[in-house]
Amino acid sequence: QVQLVESGGGLVQPGGSLRLSCAASGTILQFNYMRWYRQAPGKQRELVASLSSGSSTNYADSVKGRFTISRDNAKNTVYLQMNNLKPDDTAVYYCNAKNIWLDTWGQGTQVTISS
């Protein structure tokens, strides 16, 4: 079973940037999709960004133009570059890896946007 470990969260001011990392214990090439989700207090978990094995990307409307998902296959790591952060981006961010056999989640990393 592949394990995912997120890192890079923290407290930043509005307008700031963070880069989240999701390190996998095995090759990420086995997954059809690598995704970032987030869950704010009292809200449902929502899909933020998706990266397919064919390198297609999709983003939630709320983050388009501000967030970028990418991967480094050699490091088995997926990234989420987040720019121009807003208070509404405050949430726990989760990494997800999926293929027809596996649907794996990380433990999450807290992102807080506040002045």
C-alpha atoms as a PDB file:
ATOM      1  CA  GLN A   1       0.000   0.000   0.000  1.00  0.00           C
ATOM      2  CA  VAL A   2       1.433   3.357  -1.054  1.00  0.00           C
ATOM      3  CA  GLN A   3       1.490   6.018   1.643  1.00  0.00           C
ATOM      4  CA  LEU A   4       1.178   9.741   0.990  1.00  0.00           C
ATOM      5  CA  VAL A   5       2.696  12.401   3.218  1.00  0.00           C
ATOM      6  CA  GLU A   6       1.780  16.056   2.764  1.00  0.00           C
ATOM      7  CA  SER A   7       3.929  18.947   3.898  1.00  0.00           C
ATOM      8  CA  GLY A   8       4.338  22.663   3.338  1.00  0.00           C
ATOM      9  CA  GLY A   9       1.282  24.023   5.093  1.00  0.00           C
ATOM     10  CA  GLY A  10       1.399  26.949   7.448  1.00  0.00           C
ATOM     11  CA  LEU A  11       0.173  30.420   8.287  1.00  0.00           C
ATOM     12  CA  VAL A  12       0.540  33.126   5.675  1.00  0.00           C
ATOM     13  CA  GLN A  13      -0.926  36.547   5.100  1.00  0.00           C
ATOM     14  CA  PRO A  14      -3.461  37.239   2.355  1.00  0.00           C
ATOM     15  CA  GLY A  15      -1.706  37.626  -0.960  1.00  0.00           C
ATOM     16  CA  GLY A  16       1.080  35.291   0.063  1.00  0.00           C
ATOM     17  CA  SER A  17       2.195  31.984  -1.407  1.00  0.00           C
ATOM     18  CA  LEU A  18       2.763  28.421  -0.265  1.00  0.00           C
ATOM     19  CA  ARG A  19       3.895  25.271  -1.986  1.00  0.00           C
ATOM     20  CA  LEU A  20       2.455  22.022  -0.723  1.00  0.00           C
ATOM     21  CA  SER A  21       4.210  18.736  -1.336  1.00  0.00           C
ATOM     22  CA  CYS A  22       2.815  15.219  -1.389  1.00  0.00           C
ATOM     23  CA  ALA A  23       5.497  12.560  -1.168  1.00  0.00           C
ATOM     24  CA  ALA A  24       4.525   9.010  -2.072  1.00  0.00           C
ATOM     25  CA  SER A  25       6.235   5.921  -0.679  1.00  0.00           C
ATOM     26  CA  GLY A  26       6.039   4.297  -4.110  1.00  0.00           C
ATOM     27  CA  THR A  27       5.965   5.332  -7.720  1.00  0.00           C
ATOM     28  CA  ILE A  28       3.264   7.830  -8.614  1.00  0.00           C
ATOM     29  CA  LEU A  29       3.363   6.588 -12.193  1.00  0.00           C
ATOM     30  CA  GLN A  30       0.998   3.792 -11.139  1.00  0.00           C
ATOM     31  CA  PHE A  31      -1.800   6.261 -10.491  1.00  0.00           C
ATOM     32  CA  ASN A  32      -4.246   7.571 -13.066  1.00  0.00           C
ATOM     33  CA  TYR A  33      -4.878  10.703 -11.065  1.00  0.00           C
ATOM     34  CA  MET A  34      -3.090  12.681  -8.423  1.00  0.00           C
ATOM     35  CA  ARG A  35      -5.349  15.214  -6.740  1.00  0.00           C
ATOM     36  CA  TRP A  36      -5.432  17.848  -4.054  1.00  0.00           C
ATOM     37  CA  TYR A  37      -8.559  18.298  -1.965  1.00  0.00           C
ATOM     38  CA  ARG A  38      -9.288  20.648   0.884  1.00  0.00           C
ATOM     39  CA  GLN A  39     -11.729  20.760   3.751  1.00  0.00           C
ATOM     40  CA  ALA A  40     -12.558  23.908   5.649  1.00  0.00           C
ATOM     41  CA  PRO A  41     -14.210  23.800   9.085  1.00  0.00           C
ATOM     42  CA  GLY A  42     -17.894  22.981   8.775  1.00  0.00           C
ATOM     43  CA  LYS A  43     -17.656  22.364   5.035  1.00  0.00           C
ATOM     44  CA  GLN A  44     -17.470  19.333   2.809  1.00  0.00           C
ATOM     45  CA  ARG A  45     -14.204  18.211   1.312  1.00  0.00           C
ATOM     46  CA  GLU A  46     -13.779  19.721  -2.148  1.00  0.00           C
ATOM     47  CA  LEU A  47     -11.559  18.949  -5.101  1.00  0.00           C
ATOM     48  CA  VAL A  48      -9.011  21.689  -5.675  1.00  0.00           C
ATOM     49  CA  ALA A  49      -6.751  20.398  -8.435  1.00  0.00           C
ATOM     50  CA  SER A  50      -6.287  17.244 -10.461  1.00  0.00           C
ATOM     51  CA  LEU A  51      -3.378  15.931 -12.524  1.00  0.00           C
ATOM     52  CA  SER A  52      -3.828  12.930 -14.783  1.00  0.00           C
ATOM     53  CA  SER A  53      -1.202  10.433 -15.847  1.00  0.00           C
ATOM     54  CA  GLY A  54      -1.396  12.100 -19.244  1.00  0.00           C
ATOM     55  CA  SER A  55      -0.546  15.448 -17.646  1.00  0.00           C
ATOM     56  CA  SER A  56      -4.000  16.958 -18.032  1.00  0.00           C
ATOM     57  CA  THR A  57      -4.911  19.354 -15.266  1.00  0.00           C
ATOM     58  CA  ASN A  58      -8.170  20.597 -13.837  1.00  0.00           C
ATOM     59  CA  TYR A  59      -8.849  23.179 -11.170  1.00  0.00           C
ATOM     60  CA  ALA A  60     -11.743  24.339  -9.076  1.00  0.00           C
ATOM     61  CA  ASP A  61     -13.074  27.646 -10.350  1.00  0.00           C
ATOM     62  CA  SER A  62     -12.169  29.287  -7.062  1.00  0.00           C
ATOM     63  CA  VAL A  63      -8.446  28.597  -7.547  1.00  0.00           C
ATOM     64  CA  LYS A  64      -7.994  28.891 -11.324  1.00  0.00           C
ATOM     65  CA  GLY A  65      -5.153  31.211 -12.178  1.00  0.00           C
ATOM     66  CA  ARG A  66      -3.778  31.077  -8.633  1.00  0.00           C
ATOM     67  CA  PHE A  67      -2.949  27.401  -7.996  1.00  0.00           C
ATOM     68  CA  THR A  68      -0.794  25.067 -10.060  1.00  0.00           C
ATOM     69  CA  ILE A  69      -0.517  21.301  -9.658  1.00  0.00           C
ATOM     70  CA  SER A  70       2.627  19.574 -10.849  1.00  0.00           C
ATOM     71  CA  ARG A  71       4.685  16.455 -10.221  1.00  0.00           C
ATOM     72  CA  ASP A  72       8.231  15.189 -10.130  1.00  0.00           C
ATOM     73  CA  ASN A  73       8.119  11.543 -11.116  1.00  0.00           C
ATOM     74  CA  ALA A  74      11.730  10.955 -10.098  1.00  0.00           C
ATOM     75  CA  LYS A  75      10.925  12.121  -6.567  1.00  0.00           C
ATOM     76  CA  ASN A  76       7.460  10.515  -6.492  1.00  0.00           C
ATOM     77  CA  THR A  77       6.123  13.859  -5.363  1.00  0.00           C
ATOM     78  CA  VAL A  78       3.188  16.008  -6.368  1.00  0.00           C
ATOM     79  CA  TYR A  79       3.104  19.720  -5.658  1.00  0.00           C
ATOM     80  CA  LEU A  80       0.475  22.386  -5.284  1.00  0.00           C
ATOM     81  CA  GLN A  81       1.810  25.886  -5.808  1.00  0.00           C
ATOM     82  CA  MET A  82      -0.618  28.358  -4.288  1.00  0.00           C
ATOM     83  CA  ASN A  83      -0.290  32.057  -5.042  1.00  0.00           C
ATOM     84  CA  ASN A  84      -2.327  35.110  -4.115  1.00  0.00           C
ATOM     85  CA  LEU A  85      -3.807  33.241  -1.190  1.00  0.00           C
ATOM     86  CA  LYS A  86      -7.097  34.383   0.290  1.00  0.00           C
ATOM     87  CA  PRO A  87      -8.705  33.808   3.690  1.00  0.00           C
ATOM     88  CA  ASP A  88     -11.224  31.496   1.967  1.00  0.00           C
ATOM     89  CA  ASP A  89      -8.329  29.190   1.089  1.00  0.00           C
ATOM     90  CA  THR A  90      -7.965  28.317   4.762  1.00  0.00           C
ATOM     91  CA  ALA A  91      -8.458  24.579   5.106  1.00  0.00           C
ATOM     92  CA  VAL A  92      -6.784  21.258   5.639  1.00  0.00           C
ATOM     93  CA  TYR A  93      -5.324  20.178   2.307  1.00  0.00           C
ATOM     94  CA  TYR A  94      -5.241  16.497   1.428  1.00  0.00           C
ATOM     95  CA  CYS A  95      -3.380  14.625  -1.283  1.00  0.00           C
ATOM     96  CA  ASN A  96      -5.141  11.771  -3.072  1.00  0.00           C
ATOM     97  CA  ALA A  97      -3.807   9.132  -5.447  1.00  0.00           C
ATOM     98  CA  LYS A  98      -6.167   6.978  -7.446  1.00  0.00           C
ATOM     99  CA  ASN A  99      -6.198   4.103  -9.908  1.00  0.00           C
ATOM    100  CA  ILE A 100      -8.656   1.272 -10.441  1.00  0.00           C
ATOM    101  CA  TRP A 101      -7.193  -0.658  -7.509  1.00  0.00           C
ATOM    102  CA  LEU A 102      -6.173   2.033  -5.037  1.00  0.00           C
ATOM    103  CA  ASP A 103      -7.675   5.201  -3.616  1.00  0.00           C
ATOM    104  CA  THR A 104      -5.106   6.533  -1.174  1.00  0.00           C
ATOM    105  CA  TRP A 105      -5.157   9.630   1.043  1.00  0.00           C
ATOM    106  CA  GLY A 106      -2.574  11.502   3.011  1.00  0.00           C
ATOM    107  CA  GLN A 107      -3.067  12.790   6.530  1.00  0.00           C
ATOM    108  CA  GLY A 108      -3.500  16.410   5.477  1.00  0.00           C
ATOM    109  CA  THR A 109      -1.658  19.658   6.072  1.00  0.00           C
ATOM    110  CA  GLN A 110      -3.175  22.787   7.558  1.00  0.00           C
ATOM    111  CA  VAL A 111      -3.167  25.999   5.542  1.00  0.00           C
ATOM    112  CA  THR A 112      -4.259  29.165   7.310  1.00  0.00           C
ATOM    113  CA  ILE A 113      -4.553  32.525   5.588  1.00  0.00           C
ATOM    114  CA  SER A 114      -4.841  35.383   8.011  1.00  0.00           C
ATOM    115  CA  SER A 115      -3.459  38.822   8.655  1.00  0.00           C
END
